[in-house]
């Protein structure tokens, strides 16, 4: 799944040498960069296990320094470790 085209229900697979985990995307949100720190799901260790992926997104304004938003993707594991 490409992050910018991710949709709820898509899967993300992380694989290493001895471990693999599959996640199902629960939400995709466009968040203004200035507001990112207020979204507790992004930085908090509390709550259920989840994978949070963040990239730049939204409109690009070179005169304002680039992208003004972030795409925040939250995914939940499909099975235990």
PDB file of N, CA and C in Angstrom:
ATOM      1  N   UNK A   1       0.848  -1.176   0.000  1.00  0.00           N
ATOM      2  CA  UNK A   1       0.000   0.000   0.000  1.00  0.00           C
ATOM      3  C   UNK A   1       0.889   1.233   0.000  1.00  0.00           C
ATOM      4  N   UNK A   2       0.640   2.151  -0.904  1.00  0.00           N
ATOM      5  CA  UNK A   2       1.333   3.427  -0.875  1.00  0.00           C
ATOM      6  C   UNK A   2       0.623   4.313   0.125  1.00  0.00           C
ATOM      7  N   UNK A   3       1.364   4.957   0.974  1.00  0.00           N
ATOM      8  CA  UNK A   3       0.788   5.689   2.085  1.00  0.00           C
ATOM      9  C   UNK A   3      -0.208   6.759   1.650  1.00  0.00           C
ATOM     10  N   UNK A   4       0.095   7.499   0.605  1.00  0.00           N
ATOM     11  CA  UNK A   4      -0.805   8.574   0.181  1.00  0.00           C
ATOM     12  C   UNK A   4      -2.110   8.068  -0.418  1.00  0.00           C
ATOM     13  N   UNK A   5      -2.150   6.816  -0.830  1.00  0.00           N
ATOM     14  CA  UNK A   5      -3.392   6.267  -1.391  1.00  0.00           C
ATOM     15  C   UNK A   5      -4.035   5.247  -0.448  1.00  0.00           C
ATOM     16  N   UNK A   6      -3.546   5.159   0.783  1.00  0.00           N
ATOM     17  CA  UNK A   6      -4.064   4.199   1.756  1.00  0.00           C
ATOM     18  C   UNK A   6      -5.505   4.530   2.128  1.00  0.00           C
ATOM     19  N   UNK A   7      -6.282   3.476   2.377  1.00  0.00           N
ATOM     20  CA  UNK A   7      -7.686   3.614   2.762  1.00  0.00           C
ATOM     21  C   UNK A   7      -7.988   2.657   3.905  1.00  0.00           C
ATOM     22  N   UNK A   8      -8.957   3.000   4.766  1.00  0.00           N
ATOM     23  CA  UNK A   8      -9.354   2.050   5.815  1.00  0.00           C
ATOM     24  C   UNK A   8      -9.707   0.696   5.207  1.00  0.00           C
ATOM     25  N   UNK A   9      -9.235  -0.356   5.864  1.00  0.00           N
ATOM     26  CA  UNK A   9      -9.445  -1.718   5.376  1.00  0.00           C
ATOM     27  C   UNK A   9      -8.258  -2.274   4.607  1.00  0.00           C
ATOM     28  N   UNK A  10      -7.386  -1.403   4.071  1.00  0.00           N
ATOM     29  CA  UNK A  10      -6.164  -1.863   3.408  1.00  0.00           C
ATOM     30  C   UNK A  10      -5.255  -2.509   4.447  1.00  0.00           C
ATOM     31  N   UNK A  11      -4.356  -3.361   4.004  1.00  0.00           N
ATOM     32  CA  UNK A  11      -3.406  -3.988   4.921  1.00  0.00           C
ATOM     33  C   UNK A  11      -2.004  -3.450   4.695  1.00  0.00           C
ATOM     34  N   UNK A  12      -1.231  -3.468   5.774  1.00  0.00           N
ATOM     35  CA  UNK A  12       0.177  -3.091   5.763  1.00  0.00           C
ATOM     36  C   UNK A  12       0.937  -4.260   6.357  1.00  0.00           C
ATOM     37  N   UNK A  13       1.971  -4.718   5.682  1.00  0.00           N
ATOM     38  CA  UNK A  13       2.769  -5.843   6.152  1.00  0.00           C
ATOM     39  C   UNK A  13       4.168  -5.361   6.461  1.00  0.00           C
ATOM     40  N   UNK A  14       4.606  -5.572   7.707  1.00  0.00           N
ATOM     41  CA  UNK A  14       5.972  -5.272   8.109  1.00  0.00           C
ATOM     42  C   UNK A  14       6.690  -6.591   8.301  1.00  0.00           C
ATOM     43  N   UNK A  15       7.838  -6.732   7.683  1.00  0.00           N
ATOM     44  CA  UNK A  15       8.566  -7.992   7.772  1.00  0.00           C
ATOM     45  C   UNK A  15      10.039  -7.723   8.024  1.00  0.00           C
ATOM     46  N   UNK A  16      10.580  -8.518   8.909  1.00  0.00           N
ATOM     47  CA  UNK A  16      12.000  -8.491   9.198  1.00  0.00           C
ATOM     48  C   UNK A  16      12.554  -9.890   8.995  1.00  0.00           C
ATOM     49  N   UNK A  17      13.738 -10.106   9.462  1.00  0.00           N
ATOM     50  CA  UNK A  17      14.389 -11.397   9.277  1.00  0.00           C
ATOM     51  C   UNK A  17      13.628 -12.532   9.957  1.00  0.00           C
ATOM     52  N   UNK A  18      13.142 -12.302  11.183  1.00  0.00           N
ATOM     53  CA  UNK A  18      12.498 -13.371  11.939  1.00  0.00           C
ATOM     54  C   UNK A  18      11.092 -13.021  12.416  1.00  0.00           C
ATOM     55  N   UNK A  19      10.542 -11.940  11.943  1.00  0.00           N
ATOM     56  CA  UNK A  19       9.252 -11.501  12.452  1.00  0.00           C
ATOM     57  C   UNK A  19       8.450 -10.841  11.344  1.00  0.00           C
ATOM     58  N   UNK A  20       7.163 -11.082  11.355  1.00  0.00           N
ATOM     59  CA  UNK A  20       6.255 -10.430  10.409  1.00  0.00           C
ATOM     60  C   UNK A  20       5.002 -10.027  11.165  1.00  0.00           C
ATOM     61  N   UNK A  21       4.486  -8.852  10.857  1.00  0.00           N
ATOM     62  CA  UNK A  21       3.243  -8.384  11.461  1.00  0.00           C
ATOM     63  C   UNK A  21       2.391  -7.761  10.361  1.00  0.00           C
ATOM     64  N   UNK A  22       1.109  -8.107  10.358  1.00  0.00           N
ATOM     65  CA  UNK A  22       0.172  -7.544   9.398  1.00  0.00           C
ATOM     66  C   UNK A  22      -0.783  -6.637  10.154  1.00  0.00           C
ATOM     67  N   UNK A  23      -1.023  -5.472   9.605  1.00  0.00           N
ATOM     68  CA  UNK A  23      -1.910  -4.481  10.199  1.00  0.00           C
ATOM     69  C   UNK A  23      -3.031  -4.163   9.212  1.00  0.00           C
ATOM     70  N   UNK A  24      -4.183  -3.783   9.747  1.00  0.00           N
ATOM     71  CA  UNK A  24      -5.298  -3.303   8.925  1.00  0.00           C
ATOM     72  C   UNK A  24      -5.471  -1.820   9.230  1.00  0.00           C
ATOM     73  N   UNK A  25      -5.528  -1.020   8.189  1.00  0.00           N
ATOM     74  CA  UNK A  25      -5.662   0.421   8.361  1.00  0.00           C
ATOM     75  C   UNK A  25      -7.044   0.738   8.919  1.00  0.00           C
ATOM     76  N   UNK A  26      -7.052   1.467  10.035  1.00  0.00           N
ATOM     77  CA  UNK A  26      -8.291   1.860  10.703  1.00  0.00           C
ATOM     78  C   UNK A  26      -8.718   3.271  10.313  1.00  0.00           C
ATOM     79  N   UNK A  27      -7.744   4.158  10.096  1.00  0.00           N
ATOM     80  CA  UNK A  27      -8.098   5.531   9.734  1.00  0.00           C
ATOM     81  C   UNK A  27      -6.979   6.191   8.953  1.00  0.00           C
ATOM     82  N   UNK A  28      -7.383   7.134   8.119  1.00  0.00           N
ATOM     83  CA  UNK A  28      -6.452   7.974   7.360  1.00  0.00           C
ATOM     84  C   UNK A  28      -6.962   9.398   7.509  1.00  0.00           C
ATOM     85  N   UNK A  29      -6.115  10.266   8.044  1.00  0.00           N
ATOM     86  CA  UNK A  29      -6.539  11.655   8.286  1.00  0.00           C
ATOM     87  C   UNK A  29      -5.513  12.634   7.764  1.00  0.00           C
ATOM     88  N   UNK A  30      -5.999  13.752   7.260  1.00  0.00           N
ATOM     89  CA  UNK A  30      -5.153  14.874   6.883  1.00  0.00           C
ATOM     90  C   UNK A  30      -5.170  15.843   8.061  1.00  0.00           C
ATOM     91  N   UNK A  31      -4.002  16.085   8.662  1.00  0.00           N
ATOM     92  CA  UNK A  31      -3.904  16.901   9.867  1.00  0.00           C
ATOM     93  C   UNK A  31      -2.968  18.070   9.589  1.00  0.00           C
ATOM     94  N   UNK A  32      -3.399  19.304   9.865  1.00  0.00           N
ATOM     95  CA  UNK A  32      -2.481  20.434   9.722  1.00  0.00           C
ATOM     96  C   UNK A  32      -1.231  20.197  10.567  1.00  0.00           C
ATOM     97  N   UNK A  33      -0.062  20.498  10.007  1.00  0.00           N
ATOM     98  CA  UNK A  33       1.185  20.253  10.737  1.00  0.00           C
ATOM     99  C   UNK A  33       1.199  20.932  12.092  1.00  0.00           C
ATOM    100  N   UNK A  34       0.636  22.118  12.189  1.00  0.00           N
ATOM    101  CA  UNK A  34       0.621  22.845  13.456  1.00  0.00           C
ATOM    102  C   UNK A  34      -0.206  22.129  14.514  1.00  0.00           C
ATOM    103  N   UNK A  35      -1.144  21.270  14.112  1.00  0.00           N
ATOM    104  CA  UNK A  35      -2.020  20.564  15.049  1.00  0.00           C
ATOM    105  C   UNK A  35      -1.567  19.144  15.359  1.00  0.00           C
ATOM    106  N   UNK A  36      -0.520  18.671  14.720  1.00  0.00           N
ATOM    107  CA  UNK A  36      -0.121  17.271  14.841  1.00  0.00           C
ATOM    108  C   UNK A  36       0.144  16.870  16.290  1.00  0.00           C
ATOM    109  N   UNK A  37       0.811  17.704  17.039  1.00  0.00           N
ATOM    110  CA  UNK A  37       1.164  17.334  18.422  1.00  0.00           C
ATOM    111  C   UNK A  37      -0.057  17.181  19.323  1.00  0.00           C
ATOM    112  N   UNK A  38      -1.198  17.723  18.920  1.00  0.00           N
ATOM    113  CA  UNK A  38      -2.422  17.607  19.721  1.00  0.00           C
ATOM    114  C   UNK A  38      -3.166  16.296  19.488  1.00  0.00           C
ATOM    115  N   UNK A  39      -2.751  15.524  18.521  1.00  0.00           N
ATOM    116  CA  UNK A  39      -3.401  14.249  18.220  1.00  0.00           C
ATOM    117  C   UNK A  39      -2.725  13.160  19.041  1.00  0.00           C
ATOM    118  N   UNK A  40      -3.330  12.816  20.159  1.00  0.00           N
ATOM    119  CA  UNK A  40      -2.700  11.908  21.116  1.00  0.00           C
ATOM    120  C   UNK A  40      -2.409  10.536  20.533  1.00  0.00           C
ATOM    121  N   UNK A  41      -3.190  10.079  19.564  1.00  0.00           N
ATOM    122  CA  UNK A  41      -2.965   8.755  18.985  1.00  0.00           C
ATOM    123  C   UNK A  41      -1.590   8.676  18.315  1.00  0.00           C
ATOM    124  N   UNK A  42      -1.057   9.794  17.917  1.00  0.00           N
ATOM    125  CA  UNK A  42       0.215   9.808  17.197  1.00  0.00           C
ATOM    126  C   UNK A  42       1.391   9.496  18.112  1.00  0.00           C
ATOM    127  N   UNK A  43       1.442  10.110  19.278  1.00  0.00           N
ATOM    128  CA  UNK A  43       2.629  10.020  20.109  1.00  0.00           C
ATOM    129  C   UNK A  43       2.445   9.262  21.422  1.00  0.00           C
ATOM    130  N   UNK A  44       1.241   8.954  21.809  1.00  0.00           N
ATOM    131  CA  UNK A  44       0.985   8.306  23.090  1.00  0.00           C
ATOM    132  C   UNK A  44       1.250   6.802  23.022  1.00  0.00           C
ATOM    133  N   UNK A  45       1.834   6.278  24.100  1.00  0.00           N
ATOM    134  CA  UNK A  45       2.027   4.828  24.209  1.00  0.00           C
ATOM    135  C   UNK A  45       0.824   4.157  24.863  1.00  0.00           C
ATOM    136  N   UNK A  46      -0.144   4.963  25.321  1.00  0.00           N
ATOM    137  CA  UNK A  46      -1.332   4.426  25.990  1.00  0.00           C
ATOM    138  C   UNK A  46      -2.299   3.829  24.967  1.00  0.00           C
ATOM    139  N   UNK A  47      -3.142   2.936  25.448  1.00  0.00           N
ATOM    140  CA  UNK A  47      -4.180   2.368  24.591  1.00  0.00           C
ATOM    141  C   UNK A  47      -3.740   1.092  23.904  1.00  0.00           C
ATOM    142  N   UNK A  48      -4.561   0.657  22.979  1.00  0.00           N
ATOM    143  CA  UNK A  48      -4.303  -0.576  22.240  1.00  0.00           C
ATOM    144  C   UNK A  48      -3.083  -0.435  21.338  1.00  0.00           C
ATOM    145  N   UNK A  49      -2.487  -1.584  21.001  1.00  0.00           N
ATOM    146  CA  UNK A  49      -1.343  -1.599  20.070  1.00  0.00           C
ATOM    147  C   UNK A  49      -1.788  -1.043  18.727  1.00  0.00           C
ATOM    148  N   UNK A  50      -0.898  -0.294  18.098  1.00  0.00           N
ATOM    149  CA  UNK A  50      -1.209   0.288  16.800  1.00  0.00           C
ATOM    150  C   UNK A  50       0.083   0.692  16.101  1.00  0.00           C
ATOM    151  N   UNK A  51      -0.037   0.854  14.818  1.00  0.00           N
ATOM    152  CA  UNK A  51       1.042   1.369  13.988  1.00  0.00           C
ATOM    153  C   UNK A  51       0.577   2.721  13.473  1.00  0.00           C
ATOM    154  N   UNK A  52       1.390   3.755  13.658  1.00  0.00           N
ATOM    155  CA  UNK A  52       1.053   5.090  13.169  1.00  0.00           C
ATOM    156  C   UNK A  52       2.115   5.494  12.164  1.00  0.00           C
ATOM    157  N   UNK A  53       1.676   5.813  10.963  1.00  0.00           N
ATOM    158  CA  UNK A  53       2.569   6.245   9.888  1.00  0.00           C
ATOM    159  C   UNK A  53       2.212   7.676   9.526  1.00  0.00           C
ATOM    160  N   UNK A  54       3.228   8.509   9.342  1.00  0.00           N
ATOM    161  CA  UNK A  54       3.010   9.921   9.053  1.00  0.00           C
ATOM    162  C   UNK A  54       3.866  10.324   7.865  1.00  0.00           C
ATOM    163  N   UNK A  55       3.261  11.088   6.947  1.00  0.00           N
ATOM    164  CA  UNK A  55       4.007  11.659   5.840  1.00  0.00           C
ATOM    165  C   UNK A  55       3.414  13.019   5.505  1.00  0.00           C
ATOM    166  N   UNK A  56       4.112  13.775   4.694  1.00  0.00           N
ATOM    167  CA  UNK A  56       3.599  15.067   4.258  1.00  0.00           C
ATOM    168  C   UNK A  56       2.456  14.847   3.275  1.00  0.00           C
ATOM    169  N   UNK A  57       1.509  15.781   3.256  1.00  0.00           N
ATOM    170  CA  UNK A  57       0.387  15.645   2.333  1.00  0.00           C
ATOM    171  C   UNK A  57      -0.376  16.933   2.204  1.00  0.00           C
ATOM    172  N   UNK A  58      -1.462  16.860   1.455  1.00  0.00           N
ATOM    173  CA  UNK A  58      -2.272  18.047   1.215  1.00  0.00           C
ATOM    174  C   UNK A  58      -1.644  18.920   0.155  1.00  0.00           C
ATOM    175  N   UNK A  59      -2.031  20.168   0.169  1.00  0.00           N
ATOM    176  CA  UNK A  59      -1.532  21.121  -0.834  1.00  0.00           C
ATOM    177  C   UNK A  59      -0.077  21.494  -0.542  1.00  0.00           C
ATOM    178  N   UNK A  60       0.665  21.741  -1.608  1.00  0.00           N
ATOM    179  CA  UNK A  60       2.067  22.149  -1.492  1.00  0.00           C
ATOM    180  C   UNK A  60       2.170  23.627  -1.852  1.00  0.00           C
ATOM    181  N   UNK A  61       2.719  24.406  -0.940  1.00  0.00           N
ATOM    182  CA  UNK A  61       2.907  25.839  -1.163  1.00  0.00           C
ATOM    183  C   UNK A  61       4.374  26.172  -0.933  1.00  0.00           C
ATOM    184  N   UNK A  62       5.112  26.325  -2.022  1.00  0.00           N
ATOM    185  CA  UNK A  62       6.541  26.622  -1.911  1.00  0.00           C
ATOM    186  C   UNK A  62       6.771  27.907  -1.126  1.00  0.00           C
ATOM    187  N   UNK A  63       5.910  28.897  -1.306  1.00  0.00           N
ATOM    188  CA  UNK A  63       6.079  30.180  -0.624  1.00  0.00           C
ATOM    189  C   UNK A  63       5.890  30.073   0.891  1.00  0.00           C
ATOM    190  N   UNK A  64       5.235  29.016   1.355  1.00  0.00           N
ATOM    191  CA  UNK A  64       5.016  28.804   2.793  1.00  0.00           C
ATOM    192  C   UNK A  64       5.927  27.725   3.367  1.00  0.00           C
ATOM    193  N   UNK A  65       6.856  27.234   2.556  1.00  0.00           N
ATOM    194  CA  UNK A  65       7.804  26.240   3.031  1.00  0.00           C
ATOM    195  C   UNK A  65       7.469  24.809   2.677  1.00  0.00           C
ATOM    196  N   UNK A  66       6.474  24.592   1.828  1.00  0.00           N
ATOM    197  CA  UNK A  66       6.155  23.233   1.390  1.00  0.00           C
ATOM    198  C   UNK A  66       4.777  22.796   1.821  1.00  0.00           C
ATOM    199  N   UNK A  67       4.672  21.524   2.194  1.00  0.00           N
ATOM    200  CA  UNK A  67       3.386  20.971   2.616  1.00  0.00           C
ATOM    201  C   UNK A  67       2.995  21.561   3.970  1.00  0.00           C
ATOM    202  N   UNK A  68       1.725  21.850   4.111  1.00  0.00           N
ATOM    203  CA  UNK A  68       1.225  22.424   5.353  1.00  0.00           C
ATOM    204  C   UNK A  68       0.506  21.387   6.217  1.00  0.00           C
ATOM    205  N   UNK A  69       0.302  20.190   5.672  1.00  0.00           N
ATOM    206  CA  UNK A  69      -0.438  19.140   6.359  1.00  0.00           C
ATOM    207  C   UNK A  69       0.378  17.860   6.426  1.00  0.00           C
ATOM    208  N   UNK A  70      -0.078  16.952   7.280  1.00  0.00           N
ATOM    209  CA  UNK A  70       0.460  15.596   7.348  1.00  0.00           C
ATOM    210  C   UNK A  70      -0.668  14.608   7.121  1.00  0.00           C
ATOM    211  N   UNK A  71      -0.350  13.517   6.459  1.00  0.00           N
ATOM    212  CA  UNK A  71      -1.270  12.391   6.352  1.00  0.00           C
ATOM    213  C   UNK A  71      -0.913  11.457   7.502  1.00  0.00           C
ATOM    214  N   UNK A  72      -1.895  11.167   8.356  1.00  0.00           N
ATOM    215  CA  UNK A  72      -1.689  10.295   9.511  1.00  0.00           C
ATOM    216  C   UNK A  72      -2.505   9.026   9.291  1.00  0.00           C
ATOM    217  N   UNK A  73      -1.809   7.898   9.206  1.00  0.00           N
ATOM    218  CA  UNK A  73      -2.443   6.595   8.995  1.00  0.00           C
ATOM    219  C   UNK A  73      -2.292   5.790  10.281  1.00  0.00           C
ATOM    220  N   UNK A  74      -3.414   5.317  10.812  1.00  0.00           N
ATOM    221  CA  UNK A  74      -3.398   4.489  12.014  1.00  0.00           C
ATOM    222  C   UNK A  74      -3.877   3.094  11.616  1.00  0.00           C
ATOM    223  N   UNK A  75      -3.082   2.088  11.989  1.00  0.00           N
ATOM    224  CA  UNK A  75      -3.419   0.691  11.647  1.00  0.00           C
ATOM    225  C   UNK A  75      -3.360  -0.176  12.901  1.00  0.00           C
ATOM    226  N   UNK A  76      -4.176  -1.190  12.934  1.00  0.00           N
ATOM    227  CA  UNK A  76      -4.259  -2.119  14.067  1.00  0.00           C
ATOM    228  C   UNK A  76      -3.722  -3.492  13.657  1.00  0.00           C
ATOM    229  N   UNK A  77      -3.023  -4.183  14.551  1.00  0.00           N
ATOM    230  CA  UNK A  77      -2.495  -5.498  14.206  1.00  0.00           C
ATOM    231  C   UNK A  77      -3.627  -6.505  13.990  1.00  0.00           C
ATOM    232  N   UNK A  78      -3.404  -7.432  13.066  1.00  0.00           N
ATOM    233  CA  UNK A  78      -4.418  -8.446  12.781  1.00  0.00           C
ATOM    234  C   UNK A  78      -4.283  -9.650  13.683  1.00  0.00           C
ATOM    235  N   UNK A  79      -3.113  -9.820  14.297  1.00  0.00           N
ATOM    236  CA  UNK A  79      -2.887 -10.947  15.220  1.00  0.00           C
ATOM    237  C   UNK A  79      -1.791 -10.561  16.192  1.00  0.00           C
ATOM    238  N   UNK A  80      -1.663 -11.304  17.264  1.00  0.00           N
ATOM    239  CA  UNK A  80      -0.653 -11.037  18.279  1.00  0.00           C
ATOM    240  C   UNK A  80       0.744 -11.324  17.776  1.00  0.00           C
ATOM    241  N   UNK A  81       1.759 -10.877  18.519  1.00  0.00           N
ATOM    242  CA  UNK A  81       3.153 -11.116  18.103  1.00  0.00           C
ATOM    243  C   UNK A  81       3.545 -12.567  18.176  1.00  0.00           C
TER     244      UNK A  81
END
